[in-house]
Structure formats: structure tokens, C-alpha cells
Amino acid sequence: MNNNYLDCLALFGVGGAHPGGLPLTKRILSKEEIDETKSILDAGCGTGQTSAYISKKYQCHVTSLDCNKMMLDKARKRYLSLQLPIEVKHGSTENLPFDKGLFDFILSESVISFTDVSLTLPEFNRVLKPNGVLLAIEMVQEKPTTEGERTTLINFYGVPQLLTESEWCNLFKKFGFKHVHVEEDMQPIDEMDLELGADFALSEDIDGKYFEILEKHEQLTEDYKEVLGFRIFRCCK
């Protein structure tokens, strides 16, 4: 454990840690043509809340990938309890353990921001089928910040950078996605709101410092609510 925000999410086993939670995920997926013939990669699956929903709802082939073994263990327990045939893979989005052209859809919920974008996006493009679609919910910088503000946010969340909507679009296109559609959800960003569909799979004996990290997250969410937002990006090859 590195005592950071992502470790905190793993220990608390937050199921809907992305902005909008499971309700937003459901709205996004409802607009797509998904049936039992489709293959979907849940990239950065966490404890598997989204993967479980997709598998039950659409009866399609779902692959769950995460780099955090604690998250994956909690996901496996979820799938086993629900008797869902979901494939689980440990690995990084920056170097996906899959052959080329396997997936019809990749769903990435507040994941790419925490990676090296220049590695993750080419990998997503590589493993998608020729007409495949990337659905990404990502943090965006809404307003200019001071160097100190950027440092505070980057250090706490462990992200390499903060990107604007236009910067995201440029990067998606740079790494092979020809068509990028952007949607702004008006729901405020708040990963920890239970009403947005988060669930928890708590680890035992969580150190008090991780509760402090949650409190710090809540404070930053309030302090920077005019600076940090999110967008839904639909990217086609």
C-alpha cells in the first residue's frame, strides 16, 4: 500500500467510485446496441459492480481488468456470489494482456486519468474491433488553476496531469479514435455519494489514516467543485 487515494478506494471496496456512479453507467450503456453477441472490457473494474450489471443485463461476454489485486479479489467474490461467468484479468491498461481486436466495447470509468494516457489510449485502440467503441468517463479541468492548486490535486489523486475537454478530445484523436462525441452530465461530481450507486466491500482493520484520506477527498471535492468536472467521451475507431 502506498497510502494514496486509489489504495483508499481498494480498502473500502468502493463499487461506484466514478462520477455519476452506477446510474450514469446504466444511462450510457442504454444508448448502445449491446446483446449477447458483444464482448465488453471493463477496464479498471474495481470491485466489479459495473461488470456484474453488464453481465446480468445483457448476457454478453464481459472481461474485468484491474491492476489492483485487492480490488480484483473483491470482484471475484462478487461474481462468485452472483454466479456470473465473468473473465477476470490482472493487468494494466498501459500494457493490456489481450490480443488485437477482441472487444466491441471498452468501458473505462474514471481510469485513464490515473494512467499514462500516451500508453493507455493506443492499447485501447489496439484491442478494440475495427468498429469498436470506447466509452470513457473522465475528470476534466473546467477552469484555469494556479500551479499550487494543480500540484495539490495531482499529488492527492495521483494523476499525471489534469486535462481540459479539448485536450482529451485531441488525445483521443491523436491515438487513433476518428470520431469523438462528448456529453456533459449535469450531476455534480461526488464519488462517495451512496445515492449515486456506490457500494462497499470493506477490508478488515482499516488504518485510521485512510479515513483521513476520505475526509480530504470530500474537502477537495467541495473546494474545487468549480474547477473539476467530468465528461462522457464516446470514441469510435
C-alpha atoms as a PDB file:
ATOM      1  CA  MET A   1       0.000   0.000   0.000  1.00  0.00           C
ATOM      2  CA  ASN A   2       1.238   3.469  -0.869  1.00  0.00           C
ATOM      3  CA  ASN A   3      -1.237   5.350   1.319  1.00  0.00           C
ATOM      4  CA  ASN A   4      -2.859   7.137  -1.574  1.00  0.00           C
ATOM      5  CA  TYR A   5      -6.334   7.750  -2.873  1.00  0.00           C
ATOM      6  CA  LEU A   6      -6.542   4.605  -5.014  1.00  0.00           C
ATOM      7  CA  ASP A   7      -5.358   2.418  -2.136  1.00  0.00           C
ATOM      8  CA  CYS A   8      -8.101   4.002  -0.058  1.00  0.00           C
ATOM      9  CA  LEU A   9     -10.741   3.055  -2.635  1.00  0.00           C
ATOM     10  CA  ALA A  10      -9.423  -0.513  -2.650  1.00  0.00           C
ATOM     11  CA  LEU A  11      -9.525  -0.865   1.140  1.00  0.00           C
ATOM     12  CA  PHE A  12     -13.057   0.468   1.351  1.00  0.00           C
ATOM     13  CA  GLY A  13     -14.002  -1.542  -1.744  1.00  0.00           C
ATOM     14  CA  VAL A  14     -15.926   1.307  -3.326  1.00  0.00           C
ATOM     15  CA  GLY A  15     -18.041  -0.139  -6.121  1.00  0.00           C
ATOM     16  CA  GLY A  16     -19.140   3.068  -7.836  1.00  0.00           C
ATOM     17  CA  ALA A  17     -16.146   5.334  -7.402  1.00  0.00           C
ATOM     18  CA  HIS A  18     -16.555   7.124 -10.717  1.00  0.00           C
ATOM     19  CA  PRO A  19     -18.601  10.330 -11.073  1.00  0.00           C
ATOM     20  CA  GLY A  20     -22.275   9.569 -11.509  1.00  0.00           C
ATOM     21  CA  GLY A  21     -21.959   6.049 -10.141  1.00  0.00           C
ATOM     22  CA  LEU A  22     -23.919   3.100 -11.477  1.00  0.00           C
ATOM     23  CA  PRO A  23     -26.959   5.190 -12.540  1.00  0.00           C
ATOM     24  CA  LEU A  24     -24.768   7.101 -15.011  1.00  0.00           C
ATOM     25  CA  THR A  25     -23.246   3.851 -16.274  1.00  0.00           C
ATOM     26  CA  LYS A  26     -26.726   2.473 -16.936  1.00  0.00           C
ATOM     27  CA  ARG A  27     -27.717   5.573 -18.896  1.00  0.00           C
ATOM     28  CA  ILE A  28     -24.572   5.417 -21.024  1.00  0.00           C
ATOM     29  CA  LEU A  29     -24.958   1.719 -21.844  1.00  0.00           C
ATOM     30  CA  SER A  30     -28.672   2.031 -22.614  1.00  0.00           C
ATOM     31  CA  LYS A  31     -27.796   4.136 -25.652  1.00  0.00           C
ATOM     32  CA  GLU A  32     -25.623   1.386 -27.171  1.00  0.00           C
ATOM     33  CA  GLU A  33     -26.586  -1.696 -29.194  1.00  0.00           C
ATOM     34  CA  ILE A  34     -25.500  -4.409 -26.784  1.00  0.00           C
ATOM     35  CA  ASP A  35     -26.653  -8.018 -26.916  1.00  0.00           C
ATOM     36  CA  GLU A  36     -25.319 -11.476 -26.076  1.00  0.00           C
ATOM     37  CA  THR A  37     -23.010 -11.456 -29.113  1.00  0.00           C
ATOM     38  CA  LYS A  38     -20.964  -8.498 -27.876  1.00  0.00           C
ATOM     39  CA  SER A  39     -17.678  -8.603 -25.998  1.00  0.00           C
ATOM     40  CA  ILE A  40     -17.019  -5.884 -23.411  1.00  0.00           C
ATOM     41  CA  LEU A  41     -13.876  -4.964 -21.491  1.00  0.00           C
ATOM     42  CA  ASP A  42     -14.456  -3.237 -18.162  1.00  0.00           C
ATOM     43  CA  ALA A  43     -11.052  -1.567 -17.880  1.00  0.00           C
ATOM     44  CA  GLY A  44     -10.257  -0.685 -14.291  1.00  0.00           C
ATOM     45  CA  CYS A  45     -13.177  -2.734 -12.999  1.00  0.00           C
ATOM     46  CA  GLY A  46     -12.558  -2.156  -9.290  1.00  0.00           C
ATOM     47  CA  THR A  47     -14.790  -4.407  -7.200  1.00  0.00           C
ATOM     48  CA  GLY A  48     -16.823  -5.374 -10.249  1.00  0.00           C
ATOM     49  CA  GLN A  49     -20.084  -3.505  -9.743  1.00  0.00           C
ATOM     50  CA  THR A  50     -20.290  -2.404 -13.388  1.00  0.00           C
ATOM     51  CA  SER A  51     -19.170  -5.754 -14.816  1.00  0.00           C
ATOM     52  CA  ALA A  52     -21.785  -7.568 -12.767  1.00  0.00           C
ATOM     53  CA  TYR A  53     -24.502  -5.233 -14.004  1.00  0.00           C
ATOM     54  CA  ILE A  54     -23.480  -5.674 -17.656  1.00  0.00           C
ATOM     55  CA  SER A  55     -23.306  -9.448 -17.380  1.00  0.00           C
ATOM     56  CA  LYS A  56     -26.759  -9.706 -15.785  1.00  0.00           C
ATOM     57  CA  LYS A  57     -28.406  -7.104 -18.002  1.00  0.00           C
ATOM     58  CA  TYR A  58     -27.023  -8.002 -21.430  1.00  0.00           C
ATOM     59  CA  GLN A  59     -25.892 -11.651 -21.089  1.00  0.00           C
ATOM     60  CA  CYS A  60     -22.776 -10.818 -23.120  1.00  0.00           C
ATOM     61  CA  HIS A  61     -19.130 -11.743 -22.648  1.00  0.00           C
ATOM     62  CA  VAL A  62     -17.596  -9.474 -20.004  1.00  0.00           C
ATOM     63  CA  THR A  63     -13.919  -9.221 -19.120  1.00  0.00           C
ATOM     64  CA  SER A  64     -12.912  -7.394 -15.935  1.00  0.00           C
ATOM     65  CA  LEU A  65      -9.414  -5.952 -15.732  1.00  0.00           C
ATOM     66  CA  ASP A  66      -7.706  -4.115 -12.884  1.00  0.00           C
ATOM     67  CA  CYS A  67      -4.139  -3.536 -11.721  1.00  0.00           C
ATOM     68  CA  ASN A  68      -5.131  -3.689  -8.044  1.00  0.00           C
ATOM     69  CA  LYS A  69      -5.198  -7.269  -6.744  1.00  0.00           C
ATOM     70  CA  MET A  70      -7.286  -6.337  -3.704  1.00  0.00           C
ATOM     71  CA  MET A  71      -9.966  -4.887  -5.976  1.00  0.00           C
ATOM     72  CA  LEU A  72      -9.894  -7.994  -8.171  1.00  0.00           C
ATOM     73  CA  ASP A  73     -10.249 -10.320  -5.189  1.00  0.00           C
ATOM     74  CA  LYS A  74     -13.369  -8.409  -4.161  1.00  0.00           C
ATOM     75  CA  ALA A  75     -14.655  -8.534  -7.740  1.00  0.00           C
ATOM     76  CA  ARG A  76     -14.160 -12.310  -7.907  1.00  0.00           C
ATOM     77  CA  LYS A  77     -16.137 -12.766  -4.691  1.00  0.00           C
ATOM     78  CA  ARG A  78     -18.946 -10.660  -6.119  1.00  0.00           C
ATOM     79  CA  TYR A  79     -19.094 -12.686  -9.353  1.00  0.00           C
ATOM     80  CA  LEU A  80     -18.945 -15.986  -7.471  1.00  0.00           C
ATOM     81  CA  SER A  81     -21.792 -14.996  -5.151  1.00  0.00           C
ATOM     82  CA  LEU A  82     -23.898 -13.930  -8.146  1.00  0.00           C
ATOM     83  CA  GLN A  83     -22.809 -16.937 -10.265  1.00  0.00           C
ATOM     84  CA  LEU A  84     -21.727 -14.717 -13.143  1.00  0.00           C
ATOM     85  CA  PRO A  85     -19.398 -16.046 -15.890  1.00  0.00           C
ATOM     86  CA  ILE A  86     -17.112 -13.001 -15.970  1.00  0.00           C
ATOM     87  CA  GLU A  87     -13.482 -13.356 -17.020  1.00  0.00           C
ATOM     88  CA  VAL A  88     -11.083 -11.655 -14.587  1.00  0.00           C
ATOM     89  CA  LYS A  89      -7.655 -10.391 -15.600  1.00  0.00           C
ATOM     90  CA  HIS A  90      -4.936  -8.732 -13.559  1.00  0.00           C
ATOM     91  CA  GLY A  91      -3.103  -6.150 -15.625  1.00  0.00           C
ATOM     92  CA  SER A  92      -2.517  -2.556 -16.600  1.00  0.00           C
ATOM     93  CA  THR A  93      -4.354  -0.513 -19.214  1.00  0.00           C
ATOM     94  CA  GLU A  94      -0.922   0.679 -20.327  1.00  0.00           C
ATOM     95  CA  ASN A  95       0.021  -2.856 -21.428  1.00  0.00           C
ATOM     96  CA  LEU A  96      -3.154  -4.884 -21.900  1.00  0.00           C
ATOM     97  CA  PRO A  97      -2.847  -8.689 -21.701  1.00  0.00           C
ATOM     98  CA  PHE A  98      -5.052  -9.235 -24.761  1.00  0.00           C
ATOM     99  CA  ASP A  99      -4.631  -9.894 -28.461  1.00  0.00           C
ATOM    100  CA  LYS A 100      -5.559  -7.319 -31.078  1.00  0.00           C
ATOM    101  CA  GLY A 101      -9.198  -6.691 -31.981  1.00  0.00           C
ATOM    102  CA  LEU A 102     -11.018  -8.630 -29.251  1.00  0.00           C
ATOM    103  CA  PHE A 103     -13.636  -6.232 -27.915  1.00  0.00           C
ATOM    104  CA  ASP A 104     -16.722  -4.500 -29.286  1.00  0.00           C
ATOM    105  CA  PHE A 105     -16.741  -2.065 -26.364  1.00  0.00           C
ATOM    106  CA  ILE A 106     -14.335  -0.830 -23.736  1.00  0.00           C
ATOM    107  CA  LEU A 107     -15.836   0.856 -20.706  1.00  0.00           C
ATOM    108  CA  SER A 108     -13.404   2.978 -18.706  1.00  0.00           C
ATOM    109  CA  GLU A 109     -14.871   4.743 -15.687  1.00  0.00           C
ATOM    110  CA  SER A 110     -12.509   7.325 -14.197  1.00  0.00           C
ATOM    111  CA  VAL A 111      -9.468   5.215 -15.063  1.00  0.00           C
ATOM    112  CA  ILE A 112      -7.485   6.793 -17.907  1.00  0.00           C
ATOM    113  CA  SER A 113      -6.727   9.921 -15.862  1.00  0.00           C
ATOM    114  CA  PHE A 114      -4.723   7.789 -13.438  1.00  0.00           C
ATOM    115  CA  THR A 115      -2.520   6.307 -16.176  1.00  0.00           C
ATOM    116  CA  ASP A 116      -0.045   7.389 -18.817  1.00  0.00           C
ATOM    117  CA  VAL A 117      -2.552   8.442 -21.487  1.00  0.00           C
ATOM    118  CA  SER A 118       0.016   8.027 -24.266  1.00  0.00           C
ATOM    119  CA  LEU A 119       0.227   4.310 -23.398  1.00  0.00           C
ATOM    120  CA  THR A 120      -3.369   3.552 -22.411  1.00  0.00           C
ATOM    121  CA  LEU A 121      -5.153   5.034 -25.428  1.00  0.00           C
ATOM    122  CA  PRO A 122      -3.094   3.161 -28.065  1.00  0.00           C
ATOM    123  CA  GLU A 123      -3.708  -0.050 -26.116  1.00  0.00           C
ATOM    124  CA  PHE A 124      -7.451   0.561 -26.028  1.00  0.00           C
ATOM    125  CA  ASN A 125      -7.392   1.208 -29.759  1.00  0.00           C
ATOM    126  CA  ARG A 126      -5.386  -1.964 -30.365  1.00  0.00           C
ATOM    127  CA  VAL A 127      -7.717  -4.367 -28.549  1.00  0.00           C
ATOM    128  CA  LEU A 128     -10.939  -2.900 -29.968  1.00  0.00           C
ATOM    129  CA  LYS A 129     -12.506  -4.427 -33.067  1.00  0.00           C
ATOM    130  CA  PRO A 130     -12.463  -2.308 -36.270  1.00  0.00           C
ATOM    131  CA  ASN A 131     -15.802  -0.676 -35.426  1.00  0.00           C
ATOM    132  CA  GLY A 132     -15.267  -0.814 -31.682  1.00  0.00           C
ATOM    133  CA  VAL A 133     -16.305   1.877 -29.217  1.00  0.00           C
ATOM    134  CA  LEU A 134     -14.542   3.295 -26.184  1.00  0.00           C
ATOM    135  CA  LEU A 135     -16.882   4.715 -23.536  1.00  0.00           C
ATOM    136  CA  ALA A 136     -14.924   6.787 -21.040  1.00  0.00           C
ATOM    137  CA  ILE A 137     -15.998   8.847 -18.034  1.00  0.00           C
ATOM    138  CA  GLU A 138     -13.114  11.155 -17.189  1.00  0.00           C
ATOM    139  CA  MET A 139     -12.205  14.049 -14.952  1.00  0.00           C
ATOM    140  CA  VAL A 140     -11.786  17.380 -16.730  1.00  0.00           C
ATOM    141  CA  GLN A 141     -10.358  20.699 -15.687  1.00  0.00           C
ATOM    142  CA  GLU A 142     -13.119  23.267 -16.093  1.00  0.00           C
ATOM    143  CA  LYS A 143     -11.183  26.425 -15.245  1.00  0.00           C
ATOM    144  CA  PRO A 144      -7.548  27.556 -15.152  1.00  0.00           C
ATOM    145  CA  THR A 145      -5.683  26.783 -11.935  1.00  0.00           C
ATOM    146  CA  THR A 146      -2.611  28.097 -10.204  1.00  0.00           C
ATOM    147  CA  GLU A 147       0.487  25.930 -10.099  1.00  0.00           C
ATOM    148  CA  GLY A 148      -0.158  25.352  -6.406  1.00  0.00           C
ATOM    149  CA  GLU A 149      -3.729  24.212  -6.984  1.00  0.00           C
ATOM    150  CA  ARG A 150      -2.672  21.815  -9.726  1.00  0.00           C
ATOM    151  CA  THR A 151       0.071  20.401  -7.513  1.00  0.00           C
ATOM    152  CA  THR A 152      -2.391  19.844  -4.674  1.00  0.00           C
ATOM    153  CA  LEU A 153      -4.832  17.945  -6.877  1.00  0.00           C
ATOM    154  CA  ILE A 154      -2.229  15.961  -8.800  1.00  0.00           C
ATOM    155  CA  ASN A 155      -0.398  14.904  -5.638  1.00  0.00           C
ATOM    156  CA  PHE A 156      -3.533  13.862  -3.767  1.00  0.00           C
ATOM    157  CA  TYR A 157      -5.224  11.907  -6.548  1.00  0.00           C
ATOM    158  CA  GLY A 158      -2.003  10.568  -8.022  1.00  0.00           C
ATOM    159  CA  VAL A 159      -2.847  11.597 -11.582  1.00  0.00           C
ATOM    160  CA  PRO A 160      -0.069  12.542 -14.037  1.00  0.00           C
ATOM    161  CA  GLN A 161      -1.932  15.619 -15.256  1.00  0.00           C
ATOM    162  CA  LEU A 162      -5.235  17.496 -15.357  1.00  0.00           C
ATOM    163  CA  LEU A 163      -6.771  17.767 -18.816  1.00  0.00           C
ATOM    164  CA  THR A 164      -9.412  20.045 -20.307  1.00  0.00           C
ATOM    165  CA  GLU A 165     -12.212  18.720 -22.522  1.00  0.00           C
ATOM    166  CA  SER A 166     -10.426  19.887 -25.672  1.00  0.00           C
ATOM    167  CA  GLU A 167      -7.150  18.316 -24.546  1.00  0.00           C
ATOM    168  CA  TRP A 168      -8.925  14.998 -24.005  1.00  0.00           C
ATOM    169  CA  CYS A 169     -10.505  15.166 -27.459  1.00  0.00           C
ATOM    170  CA  ASN A 170      -7.161  15.934 -29.081  1.00  0.00           C
ATOM    171  CA  LEU A 171      -5.552  12.958 -27.337  1.00  0.00           C
ATOM    172  CA  PHE A 172      -8.308  10.534 -28.324  1.00  0.00           C
ATOM    173  CA  LYS A 173      -7.900  11.592 -31.961  1.00  0.00           C
ATOM    174  CA  LYS A 174      -4.106  11.540 -31.776  1.00  0.00           C
ATOM    175  CA  PHE A 175      -4.170   7.893 -30.722  1.00  0.00           C
ATOM    176  CA  GLY A 176      -6.485   6.597 -33.403  1.00  0.00           C
ATOM    177  CA  PHE A 177     -10.065   7.415 -32.483  1.00  0.00           C
ATOM    178  CA  LYS A 178     -11.573   9.144 -35.511  1.00  0.00           C
ATOM    179  CA  HIS A 179     -14.935  10.133 -34.048  1.00  0.00           C
ATOM    180  CA  VAL A 180     -15.211  11.587 -30.536  1.00  0.00           C
ATOM    181  CA  HIS A 181     -18.571  12.596 -29.084  1.00  0.00           C
ATOM    182  CA  VAL A 182     -18.635  14.468 -25.778  1.00  0.00           C
ATOM    183  CA  GLU A 183     -21.512  14.599 -23.330  1.00  0.00           C
ATOM    184  CA  GLU A 184     -21.696  16.658 -20.161  1.00  0.00           C
ATOM    185  CA  ASP A 185     -23.719  15.158 -17.348  1.00  0.00           C
ATOM    186  CA  MET A 186     -25.183  17.855 -15.117  1.00  0.00           C
ATOM    187  CA  GLN A 187     -24.968  15.729 -11.997  1.00  0.00           C
ATOM    188  CA  PRO A 188     -22.256  17.102  -9.645  1.00  0.00           C
ATOM    189  CA  ILE A 189     -19.023  15.149  -9.233  1.00  0.00           C
ATOM    190  CA  ASP A 190     -19.071  13.177  -5.973  1.00  0.00           C
ATOM    191  CA  GLU A 191     -17.631   9.683  -5.923  1.00  0.00           C
ATOM    192  CA  MET A 192     -18.737   8.916  -2.378  1.00  0.00           C
ATOM    193  CA  ASP A 193     -22.459   9.660  -2.687  1.00  0.00           C
ATOM    194  CA  LEU A 194     -24.235   6.406  -1.859  1.00  0.00           C
ATOM    195  CA  GLU A 195     -27.344   7.558  -3.686  1.00  0.00           C
ATOM    196  CA  LEU A 196     -25.350   7.549  -6.929  1.00  0.00           C
ATOM    197  CA  GLY A 197     -24.921   3.786  -6.711  1.00  0.00           C
ATOM    198  CA  ALA A 198     -21.700   3.265  -4.761  1.00  0.00           C
ATOM    199  CA  ASP A 199     -21.414   0.084  -2.730  1.00  0.00           C
ATOM    200  CA  PHE A 200     -18.705  -1.042  -0.366  1.00  0.00           C
ATOM    201  CA  ALA A 201     -16.730  -4.233   0.277  1.00  0.00           C
ATOM    202  CA  LEU A 202     -14.757  -3.229   3.347  1.00  0.00           C
ATOM    203  CA  SER A 203     -11.422  -4.744   4.237  1.00  0.00           C
ATOM    204  CA  GLU A 204     -10.781  -5.672   7.852  1.00  0.00           C
ATOM    205  CA  ASP A 205      -8.841  -3.420  10.230  1.00  0.00           C
ATOM    206  CA  ILE A 206      -8.606  -0.331   8.021  1.00  0.00           C
ATOM    207  CA  ASP A 207      -5.979   2.072   9.348  1.00  0.00           C
ATOM    208  CA  GLY A 208      -7.354   5.385  10.554  1.00  0.00           C
ATOM    209  CA  LYS A 209      -5.195   7.294   8.077  1.00  0.00           C
ATOM    210  CA  TYR A 210      -7.383   6.015   5.243  1.00  0.00           C
ATOM    211  CA  PHE A 211     -10.428   7.600   6.840  1.00  0.00           C
ATOM    212  CA  GLU A 212      -8.421  10.824   6.809  1.00  0.00           C
ATOM    213  CA  ILE A 213      -7.877  10.369   3.066  1.00  0.00           C
ATOM    214  CA  LEU A 214     -11.645  10.060   2.574  1.00  0.00           C
ATOM    215  CA  GLU A 215     -12.170  13.242   4.557  1.00  0.00           C
ATOM    216  CA  LYS A 216      -9.517  15.008   2.480  1.00  0.00           C
ATOM    217  CA  HIS A 217     -11.208  13.849  -0.726  1.00  0.00           C
ATOM    218  CA  GLU A 218     -14.539  15.223   0.450  1.00  0.00           C
ATOM    219  CA  GLN A 219     -12.921  18.541   1.310  1.00  0.00           C
ATOM    220  CA  LEU A 220     -11.168  18.798  -2.066  1.00  0.00           C
ATOM    221  CA  THR A 221     -14.409  17.919  -3.846  1.00  0.00           C
ATOM    222  CA  GLU A 222     -16.062  20.885  -2.179  1.00  0.00           C
ATOM    223  CA  ASP A 223     -13.110  23.273  -2.517  1.00  0.00           C
ATOM    224  CA  TYR A 224     -12.591  22.539  -6.222  1.00  0.00           C
ATOM    225  CA  LYS A 225     -16.163  21.941  -7.378  1.00  0.00           C
ATOM    226  CA  GLU A 226     -15.859  24.825  -9.854  1.00  0.00           C
ATOM    227  CA  VAL A 227     -12.514  23.551 -11.164  1.00  0.00           C
ATOM    228  CA  LEU A 228     -13.014  19.795 -11.534  1.00  0.00           C
ATOM    229  CA  GLY A 229     -15.824  18.312 -13.573  1.00  0.00           C
ATOM    230  CA  PHE A 230     -16.225  15.277 -15.777  1.00  0.00           C
ATOM    231  CA  ARG A 231     -17.288  14.353 -19.281  1.00  0.00           C
ATOM    232  CA  ILE A 232     -18.560  11.252 -21.023  1.00  0.00           C
ATOM    233  CA  PHE A 233     -16.485  10.507 -24.119  1.00  0.00           C
ATOM    234  CA  ARG A 234     -17.741   8.149 -26.821  1.00  0.00           C
ATOM    235  CA  CYS A 235     -14.819   7.337 -29.092  1.00  0.00           C
ATOM    236  CA  CYS A 236     -15.025   5.261 -32.281  1.00  0.00           C
ATOM    237  CA  LYS A 237     -12.192   3.838 -34.347  1.00  0.00           C
END
